[in-house]
Amino acid sequence: MRYLQRITITCGDPRILSSIEVPTDPRPDLTVAIVRLAHADGLSLPGYATDHAAGMDLAAAVTDPVVLAPGARALIPTGVALALPPGFEAQIRPRSGLALRHGIGVLNSPGTIDADYRGEVGVILINHGDQPFTVERGMRVAQMVVAPYTRVAWSLAESLERSIRGEGGFGSTGTETRTDSQGRN
């Protein structure tokens, strides 16, 4: 049985209310098969740090420390392989503390693990900092978020419906806070 709590959200306009049910029970919604590979013996499986965390921490399954010089990148093994169900992906994302303190990020963020991939999950770390960074065995180096995805079918058209934005691309909406006619964000 799922435990749900009804919450109400306002969108700046008190006339617009949205009421939704959100889970309050931290039990998993989905069971996924996982294999711990031999070189990850003794390491923790990916896990949530708190009851309501979206991402599971991934540990480095390196046999020896890996030193990332400033600007360098390396593929860090996690020692796990997954069998995600159809309709789901795993997104590999940086850990905010490593990014803030050391400039360490995930190069292809988010990395995508497809449902039909059965190999080891790897994390491409990059050092954007100005000091060398050492990845040690068992260090939590990234997060993994399992999420549903949507596949699309293309509908070839002669033209597209107009929009307010039009063809405005990179930077076209500016950096200033926008307000509506009543001064609200």
N, C-alpha and C. Protein backbone atom coordinates (compact mmCIF):
# COMPACT_ATOMS: atom_id res chain seq x y z
N MET A 1 0.84 -1.19 0.00
CA MET A 1 0.00 0.00 0.00
C MET A 1 0.88 1.25 0.00
N ARG A 2 0.60 2.18 -0.88
CA ARG A 2 1.34 3.44 -0.96
C ARG A 2 0.72 4.45 -0.02
N TYR A 3 1.55 5.19 0.65
CA TYR A 3 1.09 6.26 1.52
C TYR A 3 1.21 7.56 0.76
N LEU A 4 0.09 8.28 0.60
CA LEU A 4 0.08 9.51 -0.16
C LEU A 4 -0.39 10.65 0.71
N GLN A 5 0.12 11.82 0.42
CA GLN A 5 -0.28 13.04 1.10
C GLN A 5 -0.76 14.01 0.04
N ARG A 6 -1.91 14.63 0.25
CA ARG A 6 -2.41 15.61 -0.71
C ARG A 6 -1.81 16.97 -0.35
N ILE A 7 -1.20 17.62 -1.36
CA ILE A 7 -0.65 18.95 -1.16
C ILE A 7 -1.25 19.88 -2.20
N THR A 8 -1.29 21.16 -1.87
CA THR A 8 -1.81 22.17 -2.77
C THR A 8 -0.68 23.10 -3.16
N ILE A 9 -0.58 23.38 -4.45
CA ILE A 9 0.48 24.23 -4.98
C ILE A 9 -0.17 25.45 -5.62
N THR A 10 0.38 26.63 -5.33
CA THR A 10 -0.06 27.83 -6.03
C THR A 10 1.02 28.24 -7.00
N CYS A 11 0.62 28.87 -8.07
CA CYS A 11 1.56 29.26 -9.12
C CYS A 11 1.67 30.77 -9.20
N GLY A 12 1.75 31.46 -8.07
CA GLY A 12 1.85 32.91 -8.08
C GLY A 12 0.51 33.60 -8.16
N ASP A 13 -0.44 32.99 -8.79
CA ASP A 13 -1.78 33.54 -8.94
C ASP A 13 -2.70 32.77 -8.00
N PRO A 14 -3.25 33.42 -6.95
CA PRO A 14 -4.08 32.69 -5.98
C PRO A 14 -5.32 32.05 -6.59
N ARG A 15 -5.69 32.44 -7.81
CA ARG A 15 -6.84 31.82 -8.46
C ARG A 15 -6.47 30.47 -9.07
N ILE A 16 -5.16 30.23 -9.23
CA ILE A 16 -4.71 28.98 -9.84
C ILE A 16 -4.14 28.09 -8.75
N LEU A 17 -4.88 27.06 -8.42
CA LEU A 17 -4.43 26.10 -7.42
C LEU A 17 -4.35 24.73 -8.08
N SER A 18 -3.39 23.97 -7.66
CA SER A 18 -3.26 22.61 -8.16
C SER A 18 -3.10 21.71 -6.95
N SER A 19 -3.89 20.68 -6.89
CA SER A 19 -3.81 19.74 -5.78
C SER A 19 -3.34 18.41 -6.33
N ILE A 20 -2.27 17.88 -5.75
CA ILE A 20 -1.73 16.61 -6.21
C ILE A 20 -1.45 15.71 -5.01
N GLU A 21 -1.33 14.43 -5.28
CA GLU A 21 -0.94 13.49 -4.24
C GLU A 21 0.52 13.12 -4.45
N VAL A 22 1.29 13.19 -3.36
CA VAL A 22 2.71 12.84 -3.43
C VAL A 22 2.99 11.72 -2.45
N PRO A 23 3.94 10.84 -2.79
CA PRO A 23 4.25 9.75 -1.87
C PRO A 23 4.97 10.27 -0.63
N THR A 24 4.58 9.76 0.53
CA THR A 24 5.27 10.09 1.77
C THR A 24 6.02 8.88 2.31
N ASP A 25 5.86 7.76 1.66
CA ASP A 25 6.50 6.52 2.06
C ASP A 25 7.78 6.35 1.26
N PRO A 26 8.95 6.22 1.93
CA PRO A 26 10.20 6.11 1.19
C PRO A 26 10.47 4.74 0.58
N ARG A 27 9.51 3.81 0.66
CA ARG A 27 9.73 2.51 0.05
C ARG A 27 9.80 2.65 -1.47
N PRO A 28 10.57 1.79 -2.13
CA PRO A 28 10.75 1.93 -3.58
C PRO A 28 9.48 1.69 -4.38
N ASP A 29 9.40 2.37 -5.52
CA ASP A 29 8.29 2.21 -6.46
C ASP A 29 8.59 1.14 -7.49
N LEU A 30 9.85 0.76 -7.65
CA LEU A 30 10.30 -0.08 -8.74
C LEU A 30 11.43 -0.97 -8.23
N THR A 31 11.43 -2.22 -8.62
CA THR A 31 12.53 -3.12 -8.28
C THR A 31 13.35 -3.37 -9.54
N VAL A 32 14.66 -3.18 -9.44
CA VAL A 32 15.56 -3.30 -10.58
C VAL A 32 16.64 -4.32 -10.24
N ALA A 33 16.90 -5.24 -11.17
CA ALA A 33 17.97 -6.22 -10.98
C ALA A 33 19.32 -5.53 -11.11
N ILE A 34 20.23 -5.85 -10.19
CA ILE A 34 21.57 -5.26 -10.19
C ILE A 34 22.58 -6.36 -9.90
N VAL A 35 23.74 -6.30 -10.55
CA VAL A 35 24.82 -7.25 -10.32
C VAL A 35 26.02 -6.48 -9.79
N ARG A 36 26.59 -6.96 -8.68
CA ARG A 36 27.85 -6.39 -8.18
C ARG A 36 28.97 -7.17 -8.85
N LEU A 37 29.80 -6.50 -9.60
CA LEU A 37 30.90 -7.14 -10.32
C LEU A 37 32.05 -7.45 -9.35
N ALA A 38 32.89 -8.40 -9.75
CA ALA A 38 33.94 -8.90 -8.86
C ALA A 38 34.85 -7.80 -8.32
N HIS A 39 35.20 -6.82 -9.15
CA HIS A 39 36.12 -5.76 -8.68
C HIS A 39 35.46 -4.76 -7.73
N ALA A 40 34.16 -4.93 -7.47
CA ALA A 40 33.46 -4.06 -6.52
C ALA A 40 33.19 -4.76 -5.20
N ASP A 41 33.81 -5.91 -5.00
CA ASP A 41 33.61 -6.66 -3.75
C ASP A 41 33.91 -5.76 -2.56
N GLY A 42 33.00 -5.75 -1.60
CA GLY A 42 33.17 -4.94 -0.40
C GLY A 42 32.61 -3.53 -0.50
N LEU A 43 32.22 -3.10 -1.69
CA LEU A 43 31.65 -1.76 -1.85
C LEU A 43 30.14 -1.80 -1.71
N SER A 44 29.57 -0.68 -1.31
CA SER A 44 28.12 -0.57 -1.19
C SER A 44 27.47 -0.51 -2.56
N LEU A 45 26.27 -1.06 -2.65
CA LEU A 45 25.46 -0.88 -3.86
C LEU A 45 25.00 0.58 -3.90
N PRO A 46 24.61 1.08 -5.08
CA PRO A 46 24.08 2.44 -5.13
C PRO A 46 22.94 2.58 -4.13
N GLY A 47 22.91 3.71 -3.43
CA GLY A 47 21.88 3.88 -2.41
C GLY A 47 21.52 5.34 -2.20
N TYR A 48 20.33 5.53 -1.64
CA TYR A 48 19.83 6.87 -1.35
C TYR A 48 20.39 7.33 0.00
N ALA A 49 20.87 8.57 0.07
CA ALA A 49 21.43 9.11 1.30
C ALA A 49 20.34 9.50 2.30
N THR A 50 19.16 9.88 1.79
CA THR A 50 18.05 10.26 2.67
C THR A 50 16.76 9.63 2.14
N ASP A 51 15.73 9.63 2.96
CA ASP A 51 14.45 9.01 2.58
C ASP A 51 13.83 9.61 1.33
N HIS A 52 14.06 10.87 1.05
CA HIS A 52 13.40 11.50 -0.09
C HIS A 52 14.39 11.98 -1.14
N ALA A 53 15.58 11.42 -1.15
CA ALA A 53 16.57 11.74 -2.18
C ALA A 53 16.11 11.19 -3.52
N ALA A 54 16.33 11.93 -4.59
CA ALA A 54 15.98 11.47 -5.94
C ALA A 54 17.08 10.60 -6.52
N GLY A 55 18.32 10.92 -6.19
CA GLY A 55 19.46 10.21 -6.76
C GLY A 55 20.12 9.27 -5.77
N MET A 56 20.62 8.16 -6.30
CA MET A 56 21.39 7.20 -5.51
C MET A 56 22.87 7.51 -5.72
N ASP A 57 23.65 7.47 -4.65
CA ASP A 57 25.08 7.70 -4.77
C ASP A 57 25.76 6.50 -5.40
N LEU A 58 26.69 6.77 -6.31
CA LEU A 58 27.50 5.75 -6.97
C LEU A 58 28.92 5.82 -6.42
N ALA A 59 29.45 4.67 -6.03
CA ALA A 59 30.81 4.61 -5.48
C ALA A 59 31.81 4.23 -6.57
N ALA A 60 33.02 4.73 -6.42
CA ALA A 60 34.11 4.41 -7.35
C ALA A 60 34.64 3.02 -7.04
N ALA A 61 34.66 2.15 -8.04
CA ALA A 61 35.18 0.79 -7.88
C ALA A 61 36.58 0.70 -8.49
N VAL A 62 37.40 1.71 -8.20
CA VAL A 62 38.78 1.71 -8.70
C VAL A 62 39.63 0.80 -7.82
N THR A 63 40.61 0.14 -8.42
CA THR A 63 41.50 -0.71 -7.63
C THR A 63 42.63 0.12 -7.03
N ASP A 64 43.07 1.15 -7.74
CA ASP A 64 44.09 2.08 -7.26
C ASP A 64 43.54 3.49 -7.38
N PRO A 65 44.04 4.43 -6.56
CA PRO A 65 43.57 5.81 -6.68
C PRO A 65 43.80 6.35 -8.10
N VAL A 66 42.86 7.18 -8.55
CA VAL A 66 42.95 7.83 -9.86
C VAL A 66 43.09 9.32 -9.61
N VAL A 67 44.19 9.91 -10.10
CA VAL A 67 44.43 11.34 -9.92
C VAL A 67 43.99 12.06 -11.19
N LEU A 68 43.04 12.98 -11.01
CA LEU A 68 42.56 13.81 -12.12
C LEU A 68 43.26 15.16 -12.04
N ALA A 69 44.14 15.44 -12.98
CA ALA A 69 44.78 16.75 -13.04
C ALA A 69 43.74 17.78 -13.48
N PRO A 70 43.97 19.06 -13.24
CA PRO A 70 43.04 20.07 -13.74
C PRO A 70 42.85 19.92 -15.25
N GLY A 71 41.60 19.88 -15.68
CA GLY A 71 41.26 19.72 -17.09
C GLY A 71 41.20 18.28 -17.57
N ALA A 72 41.63 17.34 -16.73
CA ALA A 72 41.66 15.93 -17.14
C ALA A 72 40.31 15.26 -16.90
N ARG A 73 40.11 14.16 -17.61
CA ARG A 73 38.89 13.36 -17.44
C ARG A 73 39.29 11.90 -17.37
N ALA A 74 38.42 11.10 -16.74
CA ALA A 74 38.68 9.67 -16.63
C ALA A 74 37.36 8.93 -16.49
N LEU A 75 37.33 7.71 -17.03
CA LEU A 75 36.18 6.84 -16.86
C LEU A 75 36.35 6.08 -15.56
N ILE A 76 35.44 6.31 -14.62
CA ILE A 76 35.51 5.69 -13.30
C ILE A 76 34.51 4.54 -13.25
N PRO A 77 34.98 3.33 -12.97
CA PRO A 77 34.07 2.19 -12.87
C PRO A 77 33.26 2.25 -11.58
N THR A 78 32.04 1.73 -11.63
CA THR A 78 31.20 1.67 -10.42
C THR A 78 31.05 0.26 -9.89
N GLY A 79 31.42 -0.73 -10.70
CA GLY A 79 31.32 -2.11 -10.25
C GLY A 79 29.93 -2.68 -10.24
N VAL A 80 28.99 -2.02 -10.91
CA VAL A 80 27.62 -2.54 -10.97
C VAL A 80 27.11 -2.53 -12.40
N ALA A 81 26.23 -3.49 -12.70
CA ALA A 81 25.50 -3.55 -13.96
C ALA A 81 24.02 -3.68 -13.61
N LEU A 82 23.16 -3.10 -14.45
CA LEU A 82 21.72 -3.02 -14.17
C LEU A 82 20.91 -3.67 -15.28
N ALA A 83 19.69 -4.05 -14.96
CA ALA A 83 18.70 -4.48 -15.95
C ALA A 83 17.45 -3.63 -15.71
N LEU A 84 17.46 -2.42 -16.26
CA LEU A 84 16.31 -1.53 -16.11
C LEU A 84 15.14 -2.06 -16.93
N PRO A 85 13.92 -1.87 -16.44
CA PRO A 85 12.76 -2.31 -17.22
C PRO A 85 12.54 -1.39 -18.42
N PRO A 86 11.89 -1.89 -19.47
CA PRO A 86 11.58 -1.05 -20.62
C PRO A 86 10.81 0.19 -20.16
N GLY A 87 11.12 1.32 -20.79
CA GLY A 87 10.45 2.58 -20.44
C GLY A 87 11.18 3.38 -19.38
N PHE A 88 12.33 2.87 -18.90
CA PHE A 88 13.10 3.57 -17.87
C PHE A 88 14.54 3.75 -18.34
N GLU A 89 15.18 4.78 -17.84
CA GLU A 89 16.59 5.03 -18.05
C GLU A 89 17.21 5.35 -16.69
N ALA A 90 18.53 5.28 -16.61
CA ALA A 90 19.25 5.76 -15.44
C ALA A 90 20.07 6.96 -15.90
N GLN A 91 19.93 8.07 -15.20
CA GLN A 91 20.67 9.29 -15.51
C GLN A 91 21.83 9.41 -14.54
N ILE A 92 23.04 9.61 -15.05
CA ILE A 92 24.22 9.77 -14.22
C ILE A 92 24.51 11.26 -14.12
N ARG A 93 24.52 11.76 -12.89
CA ARG A 93 24.64 13.20 -12.64
C ARG A 93 25.78 13.48 -11.67
N PRO A 94 26.29 14.72 -11.68
CA PRO A 94 27.34 15.08 -10.73
C PRO A 94 26.80 15.16 -9.31
N ARG A 95 27.71 15.07 -8.34
CA ARG A 95 27.36 15.34 -6.94
C ARG A 95 27.68 16.81 -6.69
N SER A 96 26.73 17.53 -6.12
CA SER A 96 26.89 18.98 -5.97
C SER A 96 28.07 19.35 -5.08
N GLY A 97 28.33 18.58 -4.03
CA GLY A 97 29.45 18.89 -3.14
C GLY A 97 30.79 18.80 -3.84
N LEU A 98 30.98 17.77 -4.68
CA LEU A 98 32.23 17.64 -5.43
C LEU A 98 32.38 18.77 -6.44
N ALA A 99 31.27 19.17 -7.05
CA ALA A 99 31.31 20.26 -8.02
C ALA A 99 31.67 21.58 -7.33
N LEU A 100 31.04 21.87 -6.21
CA LEU A 100 31.27 23.13 -5.51
C LEU A 100 32.67 23.20 -4.91
N ARG A 101 33.08 22.15 -4.21
CA ARG A 101 34.35 22.20 -3.49
C ARG A 101 35.58 21.95 -4.36
N HIS A 102 35.43 21.12 -5.41
CA HIS A 102 36.60 20.70 -6.17
C HIS A 102 36.49 20.91 -7.68
N GLY A 103 35.33 21.34 -8.17
CA GLY A 103 35.16 21.51 -9.61
C GLY A 103 35.03 20.20 -10.37
N ILE A 104 34.62 19.13 -9.68
CA ILE A 104 34.49 17.81 -10.30
C ILE A 104 33.08 17.65 -10.84
N GLY A 105 32.97 17.29 -12.11
CA GLY A 105 31.66 17.11 -12.73
C GLY A 105 31.62 15.84 -13.55
N VAL A 106 30.44 15.55 -14.07
CA VAL A 106 30.24 14.44 -14.99
C VAL A 106 30.25 15.05 -16.39
N LEU A 107 31.17 14.60 -17.23
CA LEU A 107 31.40 15.25 -18.52
C LEU A 107 30.17 15.25 -19.41
N ASN A 108 29.50 14.14 -19.57
CA ASN A 108 28.31 14.06 -20.42
C ASN A 108 27.06 14.09 -19.55
N SER A 109 26.91 15.15 -18.80
CA SER A 109 25.87 15.22 -17.79
C SER A 109 24.53 15.66 -18.38
N PRO A 110 23.46 14.93 -18.15
CA PRO A 110 23.49 13.62 -17.51
C PRO A 110 23.87 12.53 -18.50
N GLY A 111 24.63 11.58 -18.02
CA GLY A 111 24.90 10.39 -18.81
C GLY A 111 23.64 9.53 -18.81
N THR A 112 23.44 8.79 -19.87
CA THR A 112 22.23 7.97 -19.98
C THR A 112 22.59 6.49 -20.01
N ILE A 113 21.97 5.72 -19.13
CA ILE A 113 22.07 4.26 -19.15
C ILE A 113 20.73 3.76 -19.70
N ASP A 114 20.76 3.17 -20.88
CA ASP A 114 19.53 2.69 -21.52
C ASP A 114 19.05 1.39 -20.89
N ALA A 115 17.76 1.13 -21.04
CA ALA A 115 17.14 -0.06 -20.44
C ALA A 115 17.72 -1.36 -21.00
N ASP A 116 18.24 -1.34 -22.21
CA ASP A 116 18.77 -2.58 -22.79
C ASP A 116 20.29 -2.72 -22.63
N TYR A 117 20.95 -1.79 -21.92
CA TYR A 117 22.39 -1.89 -21.67
C TYR A 117 22.64 -2.79 -20.48
N ARG A 118 23.56 -3.72 -20.61
CA ARG A 118 23.84 -4.67 -19.53
C ARG A 118 25.29 -4.63 -19.05
N GLY A 119 26.07 -3.69 -19.54
CA GLY A 119 27.46 -3.58 -19.11
C GLY A 119 27.60 -2.80 -17.81
N GLU A 120 28.84 -2.65 -17.38
CA GLU A 120 29.13 -1.91 -16.15
C GLU A 120 28.77 -0.44 -16.32
N VAL A 121 28.17 0.13 -15.29
CA VAL A 121 27.89 1.56 -15.26
C VAL A 121 29.21 2.27 -15.00
N GLY A 122 29.57 3.19 -15.89
CA GLY A 122 30.78 3.98 -15.72
C GLY A 122 30.43 5.45 -15.62
N VAL A 123 31.30 6.22 -14.99
CA VAL A 123 31.08 7.65 -14.81
C VAL A 123 32.28 8.39 -15.41
N ILE A 124 32.02 9.27 -16.37
CA ILE A 124 33.10 10.07 -16.95
C ILE A 124 33.24 11.34 -16.11
N LEU A 125 34.24 11.34 -15.22
CA LEU A 125 34.49 12.51 -14.38
C LEU A 125 35.46 13.45 -15.08
N ILE A 126 35.26 14.75 -14.85
CA ILE A 126 36.18 15.77 -15.36
C ILE A 126 36.51 16.73 -14.23
N ASN A 127 37.75 17.17 -14.20
CA ASN A 127 38.21 18.10 -13.17
C ASN A 127 38.23 19.51 -13.77
N HIS A 128 37.22 20.31 -13.43
CA HIS A 128 37.17 21.71 -13.85
C HIS A 128 37.87 22.60 -12.84
N GLY A 129 38.39 22.02 -11.77
CA GLY A 129 39.06 22.80 -10.72
C GLY A 129 40.48 23.17 -11.11
N ASP A 130 41.17 23.82 -10.16
CA ASP A 130 42.55 24.24 -10.42
C ASP A 130 43.57 23.41 -9.66
N GLN A 131 43.12 22.36 -8.98
CA GLN A 131 43.99 21.47 -8.23
C GLN A 131 43.75 20.03 -8.65
N PRO A 132 44.77 19.17 -8.58
CA PRO A 132 44.53 17.74 -8.84
C PRO A 132 43.52 17.19 -7.84
N PHE A 133 42.74 16.22 -8.29
CA PHE A 133 41.72 15.59 -7.43
C PHE A 133 41.93 14.09 -7.50
N THR A 134 41.95 13.44 -6.33
CA THR A 134 42.17 12.00 -6.26
C THR A 134 40.87 11.27 -5.98
N VAL A 135 40.55 10.32 -6.86
CA VAL A 135 39.39 9.46 -6.68
C VAL A 135 39.88 8.19 -5.99
N GLU A 136 39.33 7.92 -4.80
CA GLU A 136 39.71 6.76 -4.01
C GLU A 136 38.63 5.68 -4.12
N ARG A 137 39.00 4.46 -3.86
CA ARG A 137 38.06 3.34 -3.86
C ARG A 137 36.94 3.61 -2.85
N GLY A 138 35.70 3.42 -3.28
CA GLY A 138 34.54 3.60 -2.40
C GLY A 138 34.04 5.02 -2.30
N MET A 139 34.77 5.99 -2.85
CA MET A 139 34.34 7.39 -2.81
C MET A 139 33.06 7.54 -3.62
N ARG A 140 32.10 8.27 -3.08
CA ARG A 140 30.86 8.54 -3.80
C ARG A 140 31.14 9.64 -4.83
N VAL A 141 31.10 9.28 -6.11
CA VAL A 141 31.56 10.20 -7.16
C VAL A 141 30.45 10.77 -8.04
N ALA A 142 29.26 10.19 -8.01
CA ALA A 142 28.17 10.65 -8.87
C ALA A 142 26.85 10.18 -8.28
N GLN A 143 25.76 10.64 -8.90
CA GLN A 143 24.42 10.20 -8.52
C GLN A 143 23.77 9.53 -9.72
N MET A 144 22.88 8.61 -9.42
CA MET A 144 22.12 7.93 -10.47
C MET A 144 20.63 8.10 -10.15
N VAL A 145 19.90 8.65 -11.12
CA VAL A 145 18.46 8.83 -10.99
C VAL A 145 17.79 7.92 -12.02
N VAL A 146 16.92 7.03 -11.56
CA VAL A 146 16.15 6.17 -12.46
C VAL A 146 14.85 6.90 -12.78
N ALA A 147 14.56 7.05 -14.07
CA ALA A 147 13.39 7.84 -14.47
C ALA A 147 12.73 7.25 -15.71
N PRO A 148 11.42 7.43 -15.84
CA PRO A 148 10.74 7.01 -17.06
C PRO A 148 11.09 7.96 -18.21
N TYR A 149 10.98 7.46 -19.41
CA TYR A 149 11.21 8.32 -20.57
C TYR A 149 10.09 8.11 -21.58
N THR A 150 10.00 9.04 -22.51
CA THR A 150 9.00 8.98 -23.56
C THR A 150 9.70 8.85 -24.90
N ARG A 151 9.25 7.93 -25.73
CA ARG A 151 9.74 7.82 -27.11
C ARG A 151 8.74 8.51 -28.01
N VAL A 152 9.23 9.13 -29.06
CA VAL A 152 8.35 9.88 -29.95
C VAL A 152 8.37 9.29 -31.35
N ALA A 153 7.33 9.60 -32.10
CA ALA A 153 7.27 9.33 -33.53
C ALA A 153 7.23 10.69 -34.21
N TRP A 154 8.04 10.88 -35.24
CA TRP A 154 8.09 12.15 -35.94
C TRP A 154 6.90 12.28 -36.89
N SER A 155 6.38 13.48 -36.97
CA SER A 155 5.34 13.81 -37.93
C SER A 155 5.91 14.90 -38.82
N LEU A 156 6.39 14.52 -40.01
CA LEU A 156 7.03 15.47 -40.91
C LEU A 156 6.02 16.52 -41.34
N ALA A 157 6.39 17.80 -41.16
CA ALA A 157 5.50 18.91 -41.48
C ALA A 157 6.20 19.86 -42.44
N GLU A 158 5.41 20.62 -43.18
CA GLU A 158 5.96 21.64 -44.09
C GLU A 158 6.39 22.88 -43.31
N SER A 159 5.71 23.15 -42.20
CA SER A 159 6.05 24.30 -41.36
C SER A 159 5.60 24.00 -39.94
N LEU A 160 6.03 24.84 -39.02
CA LEU A 160 5.68 24.67 -37.61
C LEU A 160 4.74 25.77 -37.16
N GLU A 161 3.89 25.46 -36.21
CA GLU A 161 3.00 26.45 -35.62
C GLU A 161 3.85 27.56 -35.01
N ARG A 162 3.43 28.79 -35.19
CA ARG A 162 4.17 29.93 -34.64
C ARG A 162 4.10 29.92 -33.11
N SER A 163 5.14 30.49 -32.50
CA SER A 163 5.15 30.67 -31.05
C SER A 163 5.66 32.07 -30.74
N ILE A 164 5.47 32.51 -29.52
CA ILE A 164 5.95 33.84 -29.13
C ILE A 164 7.47 33.91 -29.27
N ARG A 165 8.16 32.87 -28.90
CA ARG A 165 9.62 32.86 -28.95
C ARG A 165 10.15 32.79 -30.38
N GLY A 166 9.44 32.09 -31.23
CA GLY A 166 9.89 31.96 -32.61
C GLY A 166 11.20 31.20 -32.72
N GLU A 167 12.15 31.73 -33.48
CA GLU A 167 13.43 31.06 -33.69
C GLU A 167 14.52 31.58 -32.77
N GLY A 168 14.15 32.36 -31.76
CA GLY A 168 15.14 32.89 -30.82
C GLY A 168 15.87 31.75 -30.12
N GLY A 169 17.18 31.73 -30.23
CA GLY A 169 17.97 30.63 -29.68
C GLY A 169 18.76 31.05 -28.46
N PHE A 170 20.01 30.67 -28.43
CA PHE A 170 20.88 30.88 -27.28
C PHE A 170 20.90 32.33 -26.85
N GLY A 171 20.49 32.58 -25.61
CA GLY A 171 20.52 33.93 -25.04
C GLY A 171 19.40 34.83 -25.48
N SER A 172 18.48 34.35 -26.30
CA SER A 172 17.45 35.22 -26.86
C SER A 172 16.45 35.72 -25.84
N THR A 173 16.32 35.04 -24.70
CA THR A 173 15.37 35.50 -23.69
C THR A 173 16.03 36.36 -22.63
N GLY A 174 17.34 36.61 -22.75
CA GLY A 174 18.04 37.51 -21.83
C GLY A 174 18.29 36.88 -20.47
N THR A 175 18.80 37.71 -19.56
CA THR A 175 19.11 37.23 -18.21
C THR A 175 18.34 37.96 -17.13
N GLU A 176 17.58 38.96 -17.50
CA GLU A 176 16.81 39.73 -16.52
C GLU A 176 15.58 38.95 -16.08
N THR A 177 15.17 39.16 -14.83
CA THR A 177 13.95 38.54 -14.32
C THR A 177 12.77 39.12 -15.07
N ARG A 178 11.92 38.26 -15.54
CA ARG A 178 10.74 38.71 -16.28
C ARG A 178 9.55 38.82 -15.32
N THR A 179 8.71 39.79 -15.57
CA THR A 179 7.50 39.96 -14.77
C THR A 179 6.30 40.04 -15.71
N ASP A 180 5.13 39.70 -15.16
CA ASP A 180 3.91 39.81 -15.96
C ASP A 180 3.38 41.24 -15.87
N SER A 181 2.22 41.49 -16.43
CA SER A 181 1.67 42.84 -16.47
C SER A 181 1.35 43.39 -15.08
N GLN A 182 1.31 42.52 -14.07
CA GLN A 182 1.02 42.96 -12.70
C GLN A 182 2.28 42.97 -11.83
N GLY A 183 3.46 42.83 -12.46
CA GLY A 183 4.71 42.92 -11.72
C GLY A 183 5.15 41.65 -11.02
N ARG A 184 4.54 40.50 -11.35
CA ARG A 184 4.91 39.23 -10.70
C ARG A 184 5.88 38.47 -11.57
N ASN A 185 6.73 37.67 -10.91
CA ASN A 185 7.66 36.79 -11.65
C ASN A 185 6.91 35.63 -12.22
